[in-house]
Protein backbone atom coordinates (compact mmCIF):
# COMPACT_ATOMS: atom_id res chain seq x y z
CA UNK A 1 183.89 91.28 171.43
CA UNK A 2 181.56 93.98 170.25
CA UNK A 3 180.85 94.53 166.56
CA UNK A 4 182.54 98.01 166.69
CA UNK A 5 185.86 96.66 167.95
CA UNK A 6 185.70 93.77 165.53
CA UNK A 7 185.22 96.15 162.58
CA UNK A 8 188.18 98.32 163.71
CA UNK A 9 190.51 95.35 163.97
CA UNK A 10 189.44 94.26 160.50
CA UNK A 11 190.27 97.78 159.12
CA UNK A 12 193.79 97.66 160.66
CA UNK A 13 194.56 94.24 159.34
CA UNK A 14 193.86 92.53 162.58
CA UNK A 15 196.07 94.93 164.65
CA UNK A 16 195.03 96.75 167.77
CA UNK A 17 195.36 100.54 168.10
CA UNK A 18 198.45 100.11 170.27
CA UNK A 19 200.12 97.99 167.63
CA UNK A 20 199.30 100.57 164.95
CA UNK A 21 200.73 103.32 167.09
CA UNK A 22 203.87 101.27 167.75
CA UNK A 23 204.32 100.63 164.04
CA UNK A 24 203.87 104.34 163.31
CA UNK A 25 206.41 105.22 166.00
CA UNK A 26 208.94 102.73 164.64
CA UNK A 27 208.42 104.14 161.15
CA UNK A 28 208.91 107.70 162.46
CA UNK A 29 212.00 106.62 164.39
CA UNK A 30 213.49 105.03 161.26
CA UNK A 31 212.79 108.17 159.23
CA UNK A 32 214.27 110.32 161.99
CA UNK A 33 217.45 108.23 161.96
CA UNK A 34 217.69 108.56 158.19
CA UNK A 35 217.21 112.31 158.48
CA UNK A 36 219.82 112.48 161.24
CA UNK A 37 222.28 110.48 159.13
CA UNK A 38 221.58 112.74 156.15
CA UNK A 39 222.04 115.84 158.34
CA UNK A 40 225.29 114.51 159.77
CA UNK A 41 226.54 113.74 156.25
CA UNK A 42 225.50 117.22 155.14
CA UNK A 43 227.37 118.71 158.12
CA UNK A 44 230.47 116.67 157.28
CA UNK A 45 230.25 117.71 153.62
CA UNK A 46 229.75 121.32 154.68
CA UNK A 47 232.77 121.10 156.99
CA UNK A 48 234.91 119.61 154.18
CA UNK A 49 233.75 122.36 151.81
CA UNK A 50 234.61 125.00 154.40
CA UNK A 51 238.05 123.48 154.97
CA UNK A 52 238.70 123.30 151.22
CA UNK A 53 237.40 126.83 150.73
CA UNK A 54 239.59 128.11 153.55
CA UNK A 55 242.60 126.29 152.06
CA UNK A 56 241.96 127.78 148.64
CA UNK A 57 241.43 131.25 150.12
CA UNK A 58 244.73 130.98 151.97
CA UNK A 59 246.45 129.77 148.79
CA UNK A 60 244.99 132.63 146.76
CA UNK A 61 245.94 135.10 149.50
CA UNK A 62 249.48 133.71 149.55
CA UNK A 63 249.75 133.95 145.76
CA UNK A 64 248.36 137.48 145.82
CA UNK A 65 250.81 138.66 148.46
CA UNK A 66 253.72 136.88 146.77
CA UNK A 67 253.25 138.75 143.49
CA UNK A 68 255.91 141.33 142.77
CA UNK A 69 253.35 143.48 140.98
CA UNK A 70 251.06 145.66 143.09
CA UNK A 71 247.46 144.45 143.24
CA UNK A 72 244.74 146.72 144.66
CA UNK A 73 241.04 145.89 144.91
CA UNK A 74 238.10 148.09 145.96
CA UNK A 75 234.45 147.43 146.74
CA UNK A 76 231.51 149.17 145.06
CA UNK A 77 231.98 152.16 147.40
CA UNK A 78 235.57 152.67 146.27
CA UNK A 79 237.00 151.45 149.58
CA UNK A 80 240.20 149.41 149.44
CA UNK A 81 239.56 145.76 150.28
CA UNK A 82 242.84 144.19 149.15
CA UNK A 83 246.37 145.63 149.18
CA UNK A 84 249.14 143.07 148.60
CA UNK A 85 252.83 143.13 149.51
CA UNK A 86 253.76 144.46 146.08
CA UNK A 87 251.45 147.44 146.64
CA UNK A 88 253.09 148.10 150.01
CA UNK A 89 256.56 148.16 148.44
CA UNK A 90 255.44 150.33 145.52
CA UNK A 91 253.55 152.94 147.54
CA UNK A 92 255.20 152.89 150.96
CA UNK A 93 251.83 152.31 152.68
CA UNK A 94 251.10 149.33 154.92
CA UNK A 95 247.98 147.31 154.10
CA UNK A 96 246.58 147.71 157.62
CA UNK A 97 246.78 151.49 157.19
CA UNK A 98 244.84 151.64 153.91
CA UNK A 99 242.24 148.86 154.10
CA UNK A 100 238.80 150.44 154.35
CA UNK A 101 240.00 153.82 153.10
CA UNK A 102 238.85 155.34 149.82
CA UNK A 103 241.08 154.67 146.82
CA UNK A 104 241.28 158.39 146.00
CA UNK A 105 242.97 159.10 149.36
CA UNK A 106 245.78 156.62 148.71
CA UNK A 107 246.37 156.19 144.97
CA UNK A 108 244.18 158.85 143.35
CA UNK A 109 246.13 161.95 144.39
CA UNK A 110 247.11 164.32 141.55
CA UNK A 111 245.99 161.75 138.94
CA UNK A 112 243.34 162.41 136.26
CA UNK A 113 240.10 160.63 137.11
CA UNK A 114 240.05 158.58 133.91
CA UNK A 115 243.37 156.97 134.92
CA UNK A 116 242.12 155.62 138.24
CA UNK A 117 240.41 152.47 139.45
CA UNK A 118 237.35 154.57 140.35
CA UNK A 119 236.78 155.29 136.65
CA UNK A 120 236.42 151.54 136.01
CA UNK A 121 234.12 151.24 139.02
CA UNK A 122 231.88 154.08 137.81
CA UNK A 123 231.77 153.23 134.09
CA UNK A 124 232.38 149.48 134.07
CA UNK A 125 235.10 150.04 131.46
CA UNK A 126 238.38 148.18 131.77
CA UNK A 127 241.50 150.35 131.37
CA UNK A 128 244.02 148.66 129.05
CA UNK A 129 247.75 148.59 129.93
CA UNK A 130 249.10 152.14 130.06
CA UNK A 131 251.47 154.35 132.07
CA UNK A 132 251.01 156.98 134.76
CA UNK A 133 252.71 158.31 137.90
CA UNK A 134 251.41 157.69 141.40
CA UNK A 135 252.45 159.57 144.53
CA UNK A 136 254.52 157.60 147.03
CA UNK A 137 253.80 157.92 150.74
CA UNK A 138 256.95 160.06 151.06
CA UNK A 139 255.63 162.47 148.43
CA UNK A 140 257.72 161.68 145.35
CA UNK A 141 256.19 160.43 142.06
CA UNK A 142 256.64 156.80 140.99
CA UNK A 143 256.21 155.89 137.29
CA UNK A 144 254.05 152.78 136.88
CA UNK A 145 252.44 150.61 134.24
CA UNK A 146 248.84 149.80 135.15
CA UNK A 147 245.61 148.17 134.01
CA UNK A 148 242.19 147.81 135.63
CA UNK A 149 239.22 145.43 135.45
CA UNK A 150 235.76 145.09 136.97
CA UNK A 151 235.05 142.39 139.56
CA UNK A 152 231.70 140.66 138.94
CA UNK A 153 229.80 137.69 140.38
CA UNK A 154 228.34 134.83 138.31
CA UNK A 155 225.25 136.91 137.53
CA UNK A 156 227.29 139.84 136.21
CA UNK A 157 226.64 142.01 139.25
CA UNK A 158 229.53 144.36 140.10
CA UNK A 159 231.39 143.47 143.30
CA UNK A 160 234.18 146.03 142.93
CA UNK A 161 237.22 146.68 140.76
CA UNK A 162 240.85 145.52 140.55
CA UNK A 163 244.05 147.33 139.53
CA UNK A 164 247.48 145.83 138.79
CA UNK A 165 250.51 148.16 138.84
CA UNK A 166 254.20 147.59 137.97
CA UNK A 167 257.09 149.83 139.00
CA UNK A 168 258.77 151.42 135.96
CA UNK A 169 261.45 153.34 137.88
CA UNK A 170 264.32 151.09 136.78
CA UNK A 171 263.00 150.95 133.21
CA UNK A 172 262.86 154.75 133.05
CA UNK A 173 266.38 155.00 134.47
CA UNK A 174 267.64 152.55 131.87
CA UNK A 175 265.93 154.52 129.12
CA UNK A 176 267.53 157.72 130.38
CA UNK A 177 270.90 155.95 130.59
CA UNK A 178 270.57 154.68 127.01
CA UNK A 179 269.65 158.15 125.78
CA UNK A 180 272.53 159.65 127.75
CA UNK A 181 274.95 157.11 126.27
CA UNK A 182 273.74 157.92 122.76
CA UNK A 183 274.28 161.61 123.42
CA UNK A 184 277.73 160.96 124.90
CA UNK A 185 278.66 158.71 121.97
CA UNK A 186 277.75 161.44 119.48
CA UNK A 187 279.60 164.01 121.55
CA UNK A 188 282.55 161.65 121.83
CA UNK A 189 282.91 161.35 118.07
CA UNK A 190 282.79 165.10 117.71
CA UNK A 191 285.20 165.63 120.60
CA UNK A 192 287.73 163.17 119.19
CA UNK A 193 287.75 165.07 115.89
CA UNK A 194 288.08 168.42 117.66
CA UNK A 195 290.89 167.08 119.89
CA UNK A 196 292.95 165.99 116.89
CA UNK A 197 292.38 169.36 115.24
CA UNK A 198 293.50 171.19 118.40
CA UNK A 199 296.58 169.10 119.04
CA UNK A 200 298.42 170.09 115.85
CA UNK A 201 298.36 173.87 116.35
CA UNK A 202 298.84 173.32 120.09
CA UNK A 203 302.12 171.56 119.42
CA UNK A 204 303.28 174.44 117.26
CA UNK A 205 302.33 176.99 119.95
CA UNK A 206 304.20 174.96 122.56
CA UNK A 207 307.32 174.90 120.35
CA UNK A 208 307.29 178.64 119.70
CA UNK A 209 306.65 179.35 123.39
CA UNK A 210 309.65 177.22 124.39
CA UNK A 211 311.81 179.29 122.00
CA UNK A 212 310.36 182.48 123.45
CA UNK A 213 311.14 181.27 126.98
CA UNK A 214 314.75 180.74 126.00
CA UNK A 215 315.04 184.22 124.45
CA UNK A 216 313.54 185.94 127.50
CA UNK A 217 315.70 184.34 130.18
CA UNK A 218 317.14 187.76 131.05
CA UNK A 219 313.76 189.51 131.21
CA UNK A 220 312.01 188.09 134.31
CA UNK A 221 308.74 190.07 134.01
CA UNK A 222 308.17 188.89 130.45
CA UNK A 223 309.47 185.42 131.33
CA UNK A 224 306.75 185.11 133.98
CA UNK A 225 304.13 185.81 131.34
CA UNK A 226 305.62 183.17 129.07
CA UNK A 227 305.54 180.62 131.91
CA UNK A 228 301.85 181.35 132.38
CA UNK A 229 301.35 180.63 128.69
CA UNK A 230 303.29 177.36 129.07
CA UNK A 231 301.14 176.35 132.06
CA UNK A 232 297.98 177.10 130.09
CA UNK A 233 299.28 175.06 127.15
CA UNK A 234 300.07 172.20 129.51
CA UNK A 235 296.56 172.33 130.97
CA UNK A 236 294.99 172.47 127.52
CA UNK A 237 297.13 169.53 126.40
CA UNK A 238 295.96 167.59 129.46
CA UNK A 239 292.34 168.28 128.53
CA UNK A 240 292.93 167.09 124.97
CA UNK A 241 294.75 163.95 126.20
CA UNK A 242 291.94 163.09 128.60
CA UNK A 243 289.39 163.76 125.90
CA UNK A 244 291.14 161.32 123.58
CA UNK A 245 291.28 158.72 126.36
CA UNK A 246 287.58 159.18 127.01
CA UNK A 247 286.49 159.00 123.38
CA UNK A 248 288.97 156.40 122.13
CA UNK A 249 287.97 152.70 122.42
CA UNK A 250 289.92 151.13 125.27
CA UNK A 251 291.13 147.56 125.52
CA UNK A 252 292.10 145.74 128.69
CA UNK A 253 295.39 143.98 129.39
CA UNK A 254 294.08 141.94 132.29
CA UNK A 255 295.93 139.72 134.71
CA UNK A 256 295.46 138.49 138.27
CA UNK A 257 296.36 141.17 140.80
CA UNK A 258 296.10 141.45 144.57
CA UNK A 259 294.02 144.63 144.78
CA UNK A 260 295.25 145.34 148.33
CA UNK A 261 298.88 145.40 147.18
CA UNK A 262 298.03 147.73 144.31
CA UNK A 263 296.15 150.11 146.62
CA UNK A 264 299.14 150.23 148.99
CA UNK A 265 301.43 151.16 146.10
CA UNK A 266 299.09 153.93 144.96
CA UNK A 267 298.72 155.37 148.48
CA UNK A 268 302.50 155.33 149.02
CA UNK A 269 303.06 157.07 145.69
CA UNK A 270 300.41 159.74 146.29
CA UNK A 271 301.41 160.48 149.88
CA UNK A 272 304.97 161.26 148.74
CA UNK A 273 303.94 163.76 146.07
CA UNK A 274 301.06 165.49 147.85
CA UNK A 275 301.50 169.06 149.04
CA UNK A 276 299.29 168.61 152.10
CA UNK A 277 300.29 164.99 152.78
CA UNK A 278 301.35 165.75 156.35
CA UNK A 279 297.82 167.02 157.15
CA UNK A 280 296.05 163.90 155.92
CA UNK A 281 295.95 160.61 157.77
CA UNK A 282 295.75 157.58 155.46
CA UNK A 283 294.05 154.49 156.87
CA UNK A 284 293.69 151.05 155.38
CA UNK A 285 291.17 148.33 156.26
CA UNK A 286 292.00 145.19 154.28
CA UNK A 287 291.20 141.49 154.76
CA UNK A 288 294.05 139.46 156.30
CA UNK A 289 294.45 137.48 153.08
CA UNK A 290 295.15 138.63 149.48
CA UNK A 291 292.11 139.70 147.43
CA UNK A 292 292.92 138.63 143.89
CA UNK A 293 291.06 140.16 140.94
CA UNK A 294 291.49 139.79 137.21
CA UNK A 295 291.94 143.43 136.15
CA UNK A 296 294.06 145.72 134.02
CA UNK A 297 296.49 146.97 136.70
CA UNK A 298 297.53 150.08 134.77
CA UNK A 299 293.98 151.28 134.22
CA UNK A 300 292.83 150.45 137.76
CA UNK A 301 295.87 152.33 139.05
CA UNK A 302 294.64 155.34 137.06
CA UNK A 303 291.21 154.93 138.70
CA UNK A 304 292.67 154.74 142.21
CA UNK A 305 295.00 157.71 141.72
CA UNK A 306 292.15 159.83 140.40
CA UNK A 307 289.84 159.01 143.32
CA UNK A 308 292.47 159.37 146.05
CA UNK A 309 293.68 162.70 144.62
CA UNK A 310 290.08 163.95 144.46
CA UNK A 311 289.60 162.88 148.08
CA UNK A 312 292.75 164.75 149.13
CA UNK A 313 291.68 167.88 147.25
CA UNK A 314 288.30 167.77 149.00
CA UNK A 315 290.04 168.16 152.38
CA UNK A 316 290.76 171.87 152.91
CA UNK A 317 292.81 171.50 156.06
CA UNK A 318 293.37 168.43 158.19
CA UNK A 319 291.47 165.23 157.62
CA UNK A 320 291.56 161.53 156.86
CA UNK A 321 291.27 159.22 153.88
CA UNK A 322 290.27 155.62 154.56
CA UNK A 323 290.48 152.88 151.96
CA UNK A 324 288.51 149.72 152.73
CA UNK A 325 288.43 146.42 150.84
CA UNK A 326 285.62 143.91 151.42
CA UNK A 327 284.56 140.79 149.56
CA UNK A 328 281.15 139.11 149.53
CA UNK A 329 280.88 135.50 148.42
CA UNK A 330 277.64 133.87 147.26
CA UNK A 331 276.55 131.09 149.60
CA UNK A 332 274.12 128.26 148.95
CA UNK A 333 271.24 129.43 146.77
CA UNK A 334 272.11 133.08 147.23
CA UNK A 335 272.75 134.86 143.93
CA UNK A 336 274.98 137.91 143.49
CA UNK A 337 274.51 140.24 140.55
CA UNK A 338 276.59 143.13 139.26
CA UNK A 339 275.38 145.14 136.27
CA UNK A 340 272.73 142.47 135.76
CA UNK A 341 275.39 139.74 135.42
CA UNK A 342 275.53 136.89 137.92
CA UNK A 343 278.82 136.50 139.77
CA UNK A 344 280.09 134.30 142.60
CA UNK A 345 281.87 137.16 144.36
CA UNK A 346 281.77 140.95 144.54
CA UNK A 347 284.79 142.90 145.77
CA UNK A 348 284.17 146.44 146.98
CA UNK A 349 286.89 149.08 147.34
CA UNK A 350 285.72 152.14 149.30
CA UNK A 351 287.62 155.43 149.36
CA UNK A 352 286.21 157.62 152.13
CA UNK A 353 287.29 161.15 153.01
CA UNK A 354 286.40 163.67 155.68
CA UNK A 355 286.36 166.56 153.21
CA UNK A 356 283.80 169.14 152.19
CA UNK A 357 281.39 166.65 150.63
CA UNK A 358 279.40 167.11 147.44
CA UNK A 359 276.25 169.14 146.93
CA UNK A 360 273.17 167.01 146.37
CA UNK A 361 272.43 168.59 142.99
CA UNK A 362 275.98 167.84 141.81
CA UNK A 363 276.06 164.11 142.63
CA UNK A 364 274.06 162.93 139.61
CA UNK A 365 276.27 165.02 137.30
CA UNK A 366 279.64 163.83 138.66
CA UNK A 367 280.29 161.32 135.88
CA UNK A 368 279.19 163.60 133.04
CA UNK A 369 282.10 164.67 130.80
CA UNK A 370 283.29 168.24 131.36
CA UNK A 371 281.39 168.62 134.63
CA UNK A 372 283.71 169.90 137.35
CA UNK A 373 283.46 171.85 140.60
CA UNK A 374 287.14 172.85 140.49
CA UNK A 375 287.41 176.48 139.44
CA UNK A 376 290.84 176.35 137.79
CA UNK A 377 292.41 172.89 137.69
CA UNK A 378 289.55 170.56 136.81
CA UNK A 379 288.94 169.29 133.29
CA UNK A 380 285.70 167.47 134.12
CA UNK A 381 286.89 164.24 132.48
CA UNK A 382 288.58 162.40 135.35
CA UNK A 383 285.49 160.73 136.80
CA UNK A 384 284.06 160.11 133.33
CA UNK A 385 287.19 158.13 132.49
CA UNK A 386 287.00 156.32 135.85
CA UNK A 387 283.43 155.24 135.10
CA UNK A 388 284.39 154.09 131.61
CA UNK A 389 287.26 151.97 132.97
CA UNK A 390 285.00 150.40 135.61
CA UNK A 391 282.38 149.56 132.99
CA UNK A 392 285.09 147.86 130.89
CA UNK A 393 285.76 145.65 133.93
CA UNK A 394 282.00 144.89 134.19
CA UNK A 395 282.07 146.81 137.45
CA UNK A 396 280.32 149.81 138.96
CA UNK A 397 281.27 153.02 140.71
CA UNK A 398 278.93 154.52 143.29
CA UNK A 399 279.08 157.61 145.46
CA UNK A 400 277.58 158.60 148.81
CA UNK A 401 278.15 162.12 150.04
CA UNK A 402 276.78 164.65 152.48
CA UNK A 403 277.80 168.25 152.08
CA UNK A 404 280.14 169.21 154.89
CA UNK A 405 280.63 165.61 156.07
CA UNK A 406 282.78 163.98 153.40
CA UNK A 407 282.27 161.46 150.60
CA UNK A 408 282.58 157.73 149.92
CA UNK A 409 283.39 156.50 146.42
CA UNK A 410 282.99 152.73 146.08
CA UNK A 411 284.31 150.52 143.29
CA UNK A 412 282.44 147.24 142.77
CA UNK A 413 284.33 144.48 140.96
CA UNK A 414 282.98 141.07 139.91
CA UNK A 415 284.97 138.27 141.54
């Protein structure tokens, strides 16, 4: 063996070049396997992270879309990137129709710039809880409570902005109802005092008129004038009586009554005394079994007579009045509410007519005291008293009407 080869073997610890290369290859192979194992573990970890991230994104998306409040998010260009179910209900827009569109096109119409999400996006200033009105897809304003905030990453860089909105329509209606009730209460106290003051001289006038009627029995022209006075006194006395009923605190004498039987009695009574009874067809649609309610039968009879008479007077010629009774029972986890109070059953009595209907602008005024569309006979207190009686029963009265097509008054009783 030459000296050169001998020296090389000595440098490699007695190994040949082939052995050195084999050792190097085995070392590389071992390192490659370790790298492959590390890569596979990294891939598995990455896959688990992706799965967990996807799960959390789906959970967050589900939570976002389950919120009753409207949640709207935009990117740095003001384009809508998130529009949850609450926002769809509040605005009337579908998320697929607004995603990618500018916020100003959807929720910025007719609203001052400093009350919009774009203001937060431009200035970086959060808008604290406040109130404004947005424009619904159908064009009507919707009162809302809102607040905004800036969306930022971990480094404080702006990613967009977020707005949360809550519908205040019911709150505003309740506030208006409370204010209306306060006004009516004040007016009621005044009216009760005025009614008592009117009744005393009215009784004296009625007495003197009766004497005058007796003295003028042989003078028909003058007697006709006296009868007109008597009719006017009677009408005025009716107004005063209704006014006292409306303003005086009422108490209920409740008992269990089959509402279908009571309706039949009222319809039979009214059909006998009506002038145009032969021109009106009365129909009944009742359940096959008794529908028992705990009510004050005398006061509910007053309600039914008032509504059926109004329905008959709304029919100028021939027509029909249909009275329907339905009952809805809560089942399983379903909850029924009436006037915000939970109940196991709601009984609805509908009185529908084919009359002239009610003008749209008159519907919201129907239950106001002294509002009437009857030129000569109406006192404007009948429906106000009906509403008061229904409220005493923890019930509701609702009306649906189209001018020229008739009306439906519905009484909702808790079971």
